[in-house]
């Protein structure tokens, strides 16, 4: 099952002054069976790393400039 979280950006030049929300295009799911076999300590850290990569992907793909 894929996990594509929404990621919020505070965008420069937005006339409304609000943030923009995008859905991650990269899958951020951690395969829990592999995770258990590899003996990682914290699954939340693994998910946060994948969300960080997905956020960087959106920034690069859509030229997002955050505040």
Protein backbone atom coordinates (compact mmCIF):
# COMPACT_ATOMS: atom_id res chain seq x y z
CA UNK A 1 0.00 0.00 0.00
CA UNK A 2 1.44 3.36 -1.03
CA UNK A 3 1.71 6.38 1.25
CA UNK A 4 1.63 9.80 -0.42
CA UNK A 5 1.26 12.39 2.37
CA UNK A 6 0.35 16.02 1.86
CA UNK A 7 3.22 18.45 2.35
CA UNK A 8 2.66 22.08 3.32
CA UNK A 9 4.83 24.89 1.96
CA UNK A 10 4.89 28.52 3.01
CA UNK A 11 5.42 30.02 -0.43
CA UNK A 12 7.02 33.37 -1.17
CA UNK A 13 5.04 35.72 -3.37
CA UNK A 14 1.67 34.20 -2.45
CA UNK A 15 -0.80 37.13 -2.39
CA UNK A 16 -3.11 35.37 0.07
CA UNK A 17 -0.32 34.94 2.63
CA UNK A 18 -1.32 31.34 3.21
CA UNK A 19 0.55 28.14 2.69
CA UNK A 20 0.20 25.82 -0.28
CA UNK A 21 -0.37 22.11 0.16
CA UNK A 22 0.86 19.52 -2.33
CA UNK A 23 0.54 15.77 -2.30
CA UNK A 24 3.85 13.92 -2.43
CA UNK A 25 4.47 12.26 -5.76
CA UNK A 26 7.03 9.85 -4.33
CA UNK A 27 5.92 6.91 -2.23
CA UNK A 28 6.84 7.49 1.44
CA UNK A 29 5.82 4.07 2.74
CA UNK A 30 8.32 2.05 4.73
CA UNK A 31 8.19 -1.67 4.10
CA UNK A 32 7.64 -2.80 7.69
CA UNK A 33 8.80 -6.37 7.10
CA UNK A 34 12.15 -5.18 5.73
CA UNK A 35 12.34 -2.56 8.46
CA UNK A 36 11.94 -5.21 11.16
CA UNK A 37 14.50 -7.52 9.55
CA UNK A 38 17.06 -4.71 9.26
CA UNK A 39 16.64 -3.89 12.97
CA UNK A 40 16.11 -0.15 12.68
CA UNK A 41 15.29 1.67 15.88
CA UNK A 42 12.50 4.06 14.95
CA UNK A 43 10.11 3.69 12.03
CA UNK A 44 8.98 7.33 12.39
CA UNK A 45 12.52 8.47 11.55
CA UNK A 46 12.51 6.32 8.42
CA UNK A 47 9.17 7.79 7.34
CA UNK A 48 10.42 11.34 8.05
CA UNK A 49 13.46 10.71 5.82
CA UNK A 50 11.25 9.56 2.97
CA UNK A 51 8.91 12.56 3.40
CA UNK A 52 11.98 14.83 3.31
CA UNK A 53 13.06 13.30 0.01
CA UNK A 54 9.51 13.68 -1.35
CA UNK A 55 9.47 17.34 -0.24
CA UNK A 56 12.79 18.00 -1.98
CA UNK A 57 11.39 16.32 -5.10
CA UNK A 58 8.39 18.68 -5.14
CA UNK A 59 10.61 21.73 -4.58
CA UNK A 60 12.86 20.77 -7.48
CA UNK A 61 10.09 19.66 -9.82
CA UNK A 62 7.84 22.70 -9.36
CA UNK A 63 10.47 25.35 -8.46
CA UNK A 64 8.82 26.07 -5.12
CA UNK A 65 10.41 28.89 -3.14
CA UNK A 66 9.68 28.55 0.56
CA UNK A 67 9.83 31.33 3.12
